[in-house]
Protein backbone atom coordinates (compact mmCIF):
# COMPACT_ATOMS: atom_id res chain seq x y z
CA UNK A 1 -114.77 -46.83 35.78
CA UNK A 2 -111.06 -46.27 36.16
CA UNK A 3 -109.10 -44.06 33.81
CA UNK A 4 -106.02 -45.48 32.19
CA UNK A 5 -103.06 -43.18 32.79
CA UNK A 6 -100.20 -43.04 30.35
CA UNK A 7 -96.73 -42.75 31.88
CA UNK A 8 -94.99 -39.72 30.57
CA UNK A 9 -91.46 -40.12 29.37
CA UNK A 10 -88.99 -37.38 30.30
CA UNK A 11 -86.58 -36.10 27.74
CA UNK A 12 -83.36 -34.24 28.55
CA UNK A 13 -79.85 -34.89 29.87
CA UNK A 14 -79.16 -37.71 32.23
CA UNK A 15 -76.26 -37.84 34.68
CA UNK A 16 -74.37 -40.01 32.25
CA UNK A 17 -74.61 -37.31 29.59
CA UNK A 18 -72.70 -34.73 31.60
CA UNK A 19 -68.99 -34.56 31.05
CA UNK A 20 -66.56 -32.54 33.24
CA UNK A 21 -69.26 -30.05 34.20
CA UNK A 22 -70.76 -29.48 30.72
CA UNK A 23 -73.63 -31.17 28.92
CA UNK A 24 -72.68 -33.58 26.16
CA UNK A 25 -74.15 -32.33 22.88
CA UNK A 26 -73.66 -34.13 19.60
CA UNK A 27 -70.75 -36.10 20.96
CA UNK A 28 -68.64 -33.15 22.21
CA UNK A 29 -68.58 -30.18 24.57
CA UNK A 30 -66.26 -27.22 25.16
CA UNK A 31 -65.69 -26.48 28.84
CA UNK A 32 -64.05 -23.37 30.21
CA UNK A 33 -61.26 -24.28 32.64
CA UNK A 34 -60.28 -22.44 35.78
CA UNK A 35 -57.35 -20.88 33.94
CA UNK A 36 -59.56 -19.20 31.38
CA UNK A 37 -58.64 -21.72 28.70
CA UNK A 38 -61.06 -24.22 27.21
CA UNK A 39 -60.98 -27.94 27.70
CA UNK A 40 -62.31 -29.99 24.80
CA UNK A 41 -63.87 -33.39 25.46
CA UNK A 42 -65.54 -35.54 22.86
CA UNK A 43 -67.08 -38.95 23.42
CA UNK A 44 -69.34 -41.55 21.93
CA UNK A 45 -70.53 -44.32 24.21
CA UNK A 46 -69.66 -43.19 27.77
CA UNK A 47 -69.22 -45.68 30.55
CA UNK A 48 -68.02 -43.45 33.38
CA UNK A 49 -69.63 -40.55 35.18
CA UNK A 50 -67.83 -37.24 35.68
CA UNK A 51 -68.17 -33.91 37.47
CA UNK A 52 -66.70 -30.48 36.92
CA UNK A 53 -64.02 -31.01 39.55
CA UNK A 54 -60.57 -31.67 38.11
CA UNK A 55 -59.85 -34.56 40.43
CA UNK A 56 -63.01 -36.49 39.54
CA UNK A 57 -63.40 -35.73 35.83
CA UNK A 58 -62.83 -38.42 33.23
CA UNK A 59 -59.17 -37.46 33.38
CA UNK A 60 -58.59 -36.49 37.01
CA UNK A 61 -56.00 -33.82 37.76
CA UNK A 62 -54.50 -32.80 41.08
CA UNK A 63 -52.07 -29.92 40.62
CA UNK A 64 -49.46 -28.61 43.02
CA UNK A 65 -50.08 -25.17 44.50
CA UNK A 66 -46.83 -23.61 43.29
CA UNK A 67 -43.34 -24.34 42.00
CA UNK A 68 -40.07 -22.41 42.24
CA UNK A 69 -37.59 -21.37 39.53
CA UNK A 70 -34.25 -23.15 39.44
CA UNK A 71 -35.48 -26.31 41.21
CA UNK A 72 -35.47 -29.74 39.55
CA UNK A 73 -38.10 -32.48 39.82
CA UNK A 74 -40.86 -30.58 41.59
CA UNK A 75 -44.29 -32.18 41.71
CA UNK A 76 -46.53 -30.67 39.02
CA UNK A 77 -49.64 -32.81 38.64
CA UNK A 78 -51.20 -36.22 39.32
CA UNK A 79 -53.25 -37.60 36.41
CA UNK A 80 -55.88 -40.29 37.07
CA UNK A 81 -57.83 -42.32 34.53
CA UNK A 82 -61.47 -42.24 35.66
CA UNK A 83 -62.82 -43.97 32.54
CA UNK A 84 -63.50 -47.67 32.10
CA UNK A 85 -60.78 -48.15 29.51
CA UNK A 86 -57.17 -47.41 28.63
CA UNK A 87 -56.13 -43.77 28.04
CA UNK A 88 -53.13 -42.63 26.03
CA UNK A 89 -51.95 -39.42 27.67
CA UNK A 90 -49.54 -36.73 26.53
CA UNK A 91 -48.51 -33.63 28.50
CA UNK A 92 -46.36 -30.64 27.54
CA UNK A 93 -45.47 -27.18 28.77
CA UNK A 94 -47.17 -24.42 26.81
CA UNK A 95 -43.83 -22.60 26.82
CA UNK A 96 -41.09 -25.26 26.58
CA UNK A 97 -38.46 -22.67 27.52
CA UNK A 98 -39.82 -22.57 31.07
CA UNK A 99 -38.57 -26.00 31.99
CA UNK A 100 -38.66 -29.74 31.40
CA UNK A 101 -41.20 -32.41 32.37
CA UNK A 102 -40.28 -35.77 33.86
CA UNK A 103 -42.72 -37.52 31.50
CA UNK A 104 -44.43 -36.37 28.31
CA UNK A 105 -46.38 -39.44 27.18
CA UNK A 106 -47.70 -42.62 28.78
CA UNK A 107 -50.63 -45.04 28.95
CA UNK A 108 -53.01 -45.02 31.90
CA UNK A 109 -55.07 -48.08 32.75
CA UNK A 110 -58.55 -47.70 34.22
CA UNK A 111 -58.17 -46.24 37.73
CA UNK A 112 -54.42 -45.73 37.44
CA UNK A 113 -52.61 -42.52 38.50
CA UNK A 114 -49.36 -41.09 37.16
CA UNK A 115 -47.39 -38.25 38.77
CA UNK A 116 -45.53 -35.78 36.56
CA UNK A 117 -42.70 -33.59 37.87
CA UNK A 118 -41.26 -30.42 36.38
CA UNK A 119 -37.79 -28.89 36.48
CA UNK A 120 -38.34 -25.14 36.26
CA UNK A 121 -35.77 -22.98 34.51
CA UNK A 122 -34.05 -20.46 36.75
CA UNK A 123 -35.14 -17.62 34.44
CA UNK A 124 -38.77 -18.69 34.27
CA UNK A 125 -41.40 -15.98 34.60
CA UNK A 126 -43.08 -15.84 38.01
CA UNK A 127 -46.58 -15.06 39.20
CA UNK A 128 -50.01 -16.61 39.49
CA UNK A 129 -50.72 -19.23 36.79
CA UNK A 130 -47.32 -18.44 35.25
CA UNK A 131 -46.58 -22.05 34.23
CA UNK A 132 -49.31 -23.30 31.85
CA UNK A 133 -49.31 -26.86 30.56
CA UNK A 134 -51.43 -28.84 28.14
CA UNK A 135 -52.77 -32.38 28.47
CA UNK A 136 -54.40 -34.57 25.85
CA UNK A 137 -55.86 -38.04 26.43
CA UNK A 138 -57.59 -40.43 24.09
CA UNK A 139 -59.16 -43.83 24.44
CA UNK A 140 -62.13 -45.91 23.38
CA UNK A 141 -64.96 -43.44 22.73
CA UNK A 142 -63.29 -40.54 24.60
CA UNK A 143 -60.90 -37.75 23.66
CA UNK A 144 -59.83 -35.02 26.09
CA UNK A 145 -57.80 -31.84 25.57
CA UNK A 146 -57.25 -29.32 28.36
CA UNK A 147 -54.96 -26.53 29.57
CA UNK A 148 -54.11 -25.84 33.19
CA UNK A 149 -51.50 -23.70 34.97
CA UNK A 150 -49.71 -23.44 38.31
CA UNK A 151 -48.19 -20.51 40.15
CA UNK A 152 -44.44 -19.88 39.93
CA UNK A 153 -43.25 -18.18 43.10
CA UNK A 154 -40.36 -15.74 43.20
CA UNK A 155 -37.19 -17.68 44.02
CA UNK A 156 -35.93 -17.68 47.61
CA UNK A 157 -32.91 -15.53 48.33
CA UNK A 158 -30.31 -15.21 51.07
CA UNK A 159 -28.78 -11.78 51.65
CA UNK A 160 -25.68 -11.26 53.75
CA UNK A 161 -23.69 -8.37 55.12
CA UNK A 162 -20.30 -8.53 56.84
CA UNK A 163 -19.01 -5.79 59.11
CA UNK A 164 -15.25 -5.79 59.67
CA UNK A 165 -14.65 -4.96 63.35
CA UNK A 166 -10.86 -5.52 63.25
CA UNK A 167 -9.16 -3.29 65.84
CA UNK A 168 -5.74 -3.13 67.50
CA UNK A 169 -4.39 -6.02 65.45
CA UNK A 170 -7.22 -8.44 66.33
CA UNK A 171 -9.56 -9.63 63.60
CA UNK A 172 -13.28 -9.53 64.32
CA UNK A 173 -16.47 -9.53 62.25
CA UNK A 174 -20.21 -9.13 62.66
CA UNK A 175 -22.10 -11.27 60.15
CA UNK A 176 -25.75 -10.47 59.41
CA UNK A 177 -28.11 -12.39 57.15
CA UNK A 178 -31.72 -12.51 55.96
CA UNK A 179 -33.50 -15.39 54.16
CA UNK A 180 -36.59 -14.44 52.14
CA UNK A 181 -39.35 -16.26 50.27
CA UNK A 182 -38.63 -19.70 51.72
CA UNK A 183 -41.78 -20.84 53.60
CA UNK A 184 -40.31 -24.20 54.63
CA UNK A 185 -37.08 -22.71 55.99
CA UNK A 186 -35.25 -24.95 58.43
CA UNK A 187 -31.86 -23.37 59.19
CA UNK A 188 -28.87 -21.47 57.88
CA UNK A 189 -25.29 -22.54 58.49
CA UNK A 190 -22.62 -19.83 58.49
CA UNK A 191 -19.05 -20.99 58.27
CA UNK A 192 -16.12 -18.63 58.91
CA UNK A 193 -12.63 -19.85 58.09
CA UNK A 194 -9.32 -18.09 58.61
CA UNK A 195 -7.42 -19.29 55.55
CA UNK A 196 -4.11 -18.31 57.15
CA UNK A 197 -4.67 -20.20 60.42
CA UNK A 198 -5.89 -23.62 59.29
CA UNK A 199 -8.47 -25.55 61.27
CA UNK A 200 -7.96 -23.53 64.46
CA UNK A 201 -9.50 -20.50 62.74
CA UNK A 202 -12.72 -22.20 61.66
CA UNK A 203 -16.14 -21.60 63.23
CA UNK A 204 -19.62 -22.80 62.20
CA UNK A 205 -22.83 -21.11 63.37
CA UNK A 206 -26.24 -22.78 63.02
CA UNK A 207 -29.15 -20.33 63.08
CA UNK A 208 -32.81 -21.40 63.03
CA UNK A 209 -34.24 -17.92 62.45
CA UNK A 210 -34.69 -16.38 59.01
CA UNK A 211 -32.70 -13.30 59.96
CA UNK A 212 -30.11 -12.41 62.55
CA UNK A 213 -26.47 -11.64 63.31
CA UNK A 214 -23.50 -13.55 64.73
CA UNK A 215 -20.10 -12.38 65.97
CA UNK A 216 -16.73 -13.82 65.06
CA UNK A 217 -14.85 -14.83 67.10
CA UNK A 218 -17.45 -16.10 69.56
CA UNK A 219 -17.77 -13.97 72.65
CA UNK A 220 -15.76 -11.13 71.12
CA UNK A 221 -12.43 -12.58 72.24
CA UNK A 222 -9.10 -11.97 70.54
CA UNK A 223 -8.51 -15.51 69.26
CA UNK A 224 -10.09 -15.06 65.85
CA UNK A 225 -6.92 -14.21 63.99
CA UNK A 226 -4.86 -11.15 63.19
CA UNK A 227 -5.14 -8.00 61.16
CA UNK A 228 -4.23 -8.91 57.58
CA UNK A 229 -5.46 -12.51 57.70
CA UNK A 230 -7.72 -13.72 54.88
CA UNK A 231 -11.18 -15.03 55.73
CA UNK A 232 -13.79 -16.99 53.82
CA UNK A 233 -17.49 -16.81 54.76
CA UNK A 234 -19.88 -19.52 53.54
CA UNK A 235 -23.68 -19.37 53.84
CA UNK A 236 -25.78 -22.51 53.32
CA UNK A 237 -29.57 -22.49 53.65
CA UNK A 238 -31.62 -25.64 54.30
CA UNK A 239 -35.34 -26.26 53.93
CA UNK A 240 -37.29 -29.01 55.67
CA UNK A 241 -36.25 -31.60 53.12
CA UNK A 242 -32.55 -30.84 52.80
CA UNK A 243 -30.08 -28.31 51.46
CA UNK A 244 -31.42 -25.56 49.23
CA UNK A 245 -28.43 -25.65 46.95
CA UNK A 246 -29.21 -22.43 45.07
CA UNK A 247 -29.05 -20.58 48.39
CA UNK A 248 -25.30 -20.85 48.83
CA UNK A 249 -22.96 -17.89 48.85
CA UNK A 250 -19.28 -17.46 49.54
CA UNK A 251 -17.33 -14.28 50.35
CA UNK A 252 -13.60 -13.82 50.84
CA UNK A 253 -12.10 -10.77 52.51
CA UNK A 254 -9.05 -9.56 54.42
CA UNK A 255 -9.30 -8.43 58.04
CA UNK A 256 -8.31 -4.78 57.74
CA UNK A 257 -11.17 -2.77 59.23
CA UNK A 258 -12.81 -2.16 55.85
CA UNK A 259 -16.24 -3.67 55.21
CA UNK A 260 -16.42 -5.98 52.18
CA UNK A 261 -19.25 -5.44 49.68
CA UNK A 262 -22.54 -6.87 50.89
CA UNK A 263 -26.27 -7.02 50.25
CA UNK A 264 -28.97 -4.59 51.26
CA UNK A 265 -30.83 -6.40 54.03
CA UNK A 266 -33.67 -3.90 54.28
CA UNK A 267 -37.23 -4.22 53.05
CA UNK A 268 -40.13 -1.81 52.67
CA UNK A 269 -41.51 -2.77 56.11
CA UNK A 270 -38.28 -2.21 58.04
CA UNK A 271 -37.32 0.86 60.08
CA UNK A 272 -36.01 3.60 57.81
CA UNK A 273 -33.34 6.24 58.30
CA UNK A 274 -34.93 9.59 57.42
CA UNK A 275 -31.73 11.61 57.79
CA UNK A 276 -28.97 12.77 60.11
CA UNK A 277 -26.45 15.55 60.63
CA UNK A 278 -22.88 15.45 62.00
CA UNK A 279 -21.48 18.55 63.69
CA UNK A 280 -17.81 18.93 64.60
CA UNK A 281 -16.72 21.29 67.37
CA UNK A 282 -14.08 21.47 70.08
CA UNK A 283 -14.52 20.66 73.75
CA UNK A 284 -11.61 21.03 76.18
CA UNK A 285 -9.13 21.06 73.26
CA UNK A 286 -10.61 17.73 71.97
CA UNK A 287 -12.59 17.41 68.79
CA UNK A 288 -16.19 16.33 69.33
CA UNK A 289 -18.76 14.92 66.92
CA UNK A 290 -22.48 15.31 67.54
CA UNK A 291 -24.85 13.20 65.47
CA UNK A 292 -28.57 14.04 65.37
CA UNK A 293 -30.71 11.45 63.58
CA UNK A 294 -34.32 10.66 62.72
CA UNK A 295 -35.88 7.28 61.96
CA UNK A 296 -39.37 6.20 60.93
CA UNK A 297 -41.43 2.97 60.72
CA UNK A 298 -40.69 2.09 64.32
CA UNK A 299 -42.71 -1.13 64.75
CA UNK A 300 -39.58 -3.31 64.38
CA UNK A 301 -37.03 -0.68 65.45
CA UNK A 302 -34.34 -1.73 67.94
CA UNK A 303 -31.48 0.77 67.89
CA UNK A 304 -29.19 3.06 65.92
CA UNK A 305 -25.45 2.41 65.77
CA UNK A 306 -23.11 5.22 64.80
CA UNK A 307 -19.62 4.29 63.65
CA UNK A 308 -16.85 6.90 63.79
CA UNK A 309 -14.12 5.63 61.49
CA UNK A 310 -10.87 7.59 61.53
CA UNK A 311 -9.46 6.76 58.11
CA UNK A 312 -5.88 7.30 59.35
CA UNK A 313 -5.78 6.06 62.95
CA UNK A 314 -7.58 2.88 64.02
CA UNK A 315 -7.16 3.65 67.71
CA UNK A 316 -9.49 6.62 67.30
CA UNK A 317 -12.36 4.51 65.89
CA UNK A 318 -15.48 4.12 67.98
CA UNK A 319 -19.04 2.78 67.63
CA UNK A 320 -21.83 4.28 69.74
CA UNK A 321 -25.47 3.24 69.95
CA UNK A 322 -28.82 4.73 70.92
CA UNK A 323 -32.34 3.32 71.14
CA UNK A 324 -34.02 6.73 71.17
CA UNK A 325 -36.65 7.15 68.46
CA UNK A 326 -37.95 8.69 66.30
CA UNK A 327 -35.14 11.20 66.97
CA UNK A 328 -31.96 10.89 68.97
CA UNK A 329 -28.45 12.22 69.52
CA UNK A 330 -25.08 10.45 69.75
CA UNK A 331 -21.96 12.29 70.90
CA UNK A 332 -18.33 11.21 70.56
CA UNK A 333 -16.40 11.52 72.77
CA UNK A 334 -18.86 11.63 75.63
CA UNK A 335 -18.71 14.28 78.32
CA UNK A 336 -15.45 14.04 80.29
CA UNK A 337 -13.76 11.65 77.85
CA UNK A 338 -10.57 12.80 76.19
CA UNK A 339 -10.37 10.52 73.17
CA UNK A 340 -11.78 12.02 70.03
CA UNK A 341 -10.94 13.36 66.63
CA UNK A 342 -7.44 14.41 65.67
CA UNK A 343 -7.22 17.74 63.89
CA UNK A 344 -6.96 17.27 60.15
CA UNK A 345 -7.95 13.59 60.23
CA UNK A 346 -10.87 12.53 58.06
CA UNK A 347 -13.72 10.58 59.59
CA UNK A 348 -16.32 8.43 57.85
CA UNK A 349 -19.40 8.64 60.06
CA UNK A 350 -21.96 5.89 59.39
CA UNK A 351 -25.42 5.72 60.93
CA UNK A 352 -27.01 2.25 60.78
CA UNK A 353 -30.57 1.36 61.79
CA UNK A 354 -31.10 -2.10 63.32
CA UNK A 355 -34.35 -4.02 63.57
CA UNK A 356 -35.39 -6.26 66.45
CA UNK A 357 -33.67 -9.27 64.86
CA UNK A 358 -30.37 -7.46 65.21
CA UNK A 359 -29.68 -6.88 61.52
CA UNK A 360 -28.86 -3.52 59.85
CA UNK A 361 -31.75 -2.53 57.57
CA UNK A 362 -30.84 1.02 56.56
CA UNK A 363 -27.76 3.24 56.70
CA UNK A 364 -26.03 6.37 55.49
CA UNK A 365 -22.42 7.64 55.54
CA UNK A 366 -20.86 11.11 55.45
CA UNK A 367 -17.28 12.31 55.48
CA UNK A 368 -16.18 15.04 57.87
CA UNK A 369 -12.81 16.49 58.91
CA UNK A 370 -11.85 16.76 62.56
CA UNK A 371 -11.22 20.37 63.51
CA UNK A 372 -13.34 21.76 60.69
CA UNK A 373 -16.14 23.11 62.95
CA UNK A 374 -18.61 22.20 60.23
CA UNK A 375 -21.94 20.41 59.96
CA UNK A 376 -22.52 17.76 57.32
CA UNK A 377 -25.98 16.38 56.53
CA UNK A 378 -27.27 13.13 55.03
CA UNK A 379 -28.83 12.60 52.61
């Protein structure tokens, strides 16, 4: 005789009763978000399934990875209505002083997506999850409140340094640059204009590396203008989409052998000048300078350049180089040469360390008198 079996009914949550990764209890659930904040969702009759992933929850979110300070209309988030009805959505920055949103309130039909952009204030704080924003959405039988955040990266920067190589009445410059924190870098354009020579004194250099140096005039010739002419240097940096307008600098200087103020191009990973000494003595009635130097962090080291600048007589100026490391010696004048220091003249002796991109990354300067038979040390 067969036994009648009773079918057991199972109690517990069904797939429909899960909302954005949390079980629906008494019409509402609090869900911890990936930013540490809570998202609040309440619902009555649900008609759409959801998971804990932002892009497939009842209100889908796809955030950008990062934004930059000082840039307008950057993509922030895509919002998608994954319910079966209309959603009224509002979005705001948790700290309104950080920027401005392209849209703060709108209606989303079932399945529709709306993109929201953000213009980030130049003085915005930076770091991981540094730009929090809040979203609320409500519709038939559903109400959603959540907080998310995106990273604000440190702003990109262009640093530049101009070395005035004007000698014997002919203007000349070495222009070095370094672009940092710009992953989608495309190029930098460096424009040099002799304001006293019109169009004939204008040169434009296009560089596709993030750091490097160029010489004006090209090829080191003497057609770049004269001592005393005024020059303007313009630096424009472009990313893959167009000009990065905040990376624009302009410097004006006179060709006179004196370096205009510039930026420090070095970083903590670059070769570093540990120290150097300059000794003055006399050889065959000529003053001689002997520079002994030491450098460290040699992975990107290229060479040391030593500039002997006679503050009273340009014709006595010289620049010598050495690629010896970690220690080396530079002598001016070299053995058998007669040009050198003039007794009583003051020399500024500068030791500059160059990396393999050809830019100066560290330096030091001392003052020494020709004929003094003394040794001066840096630092």
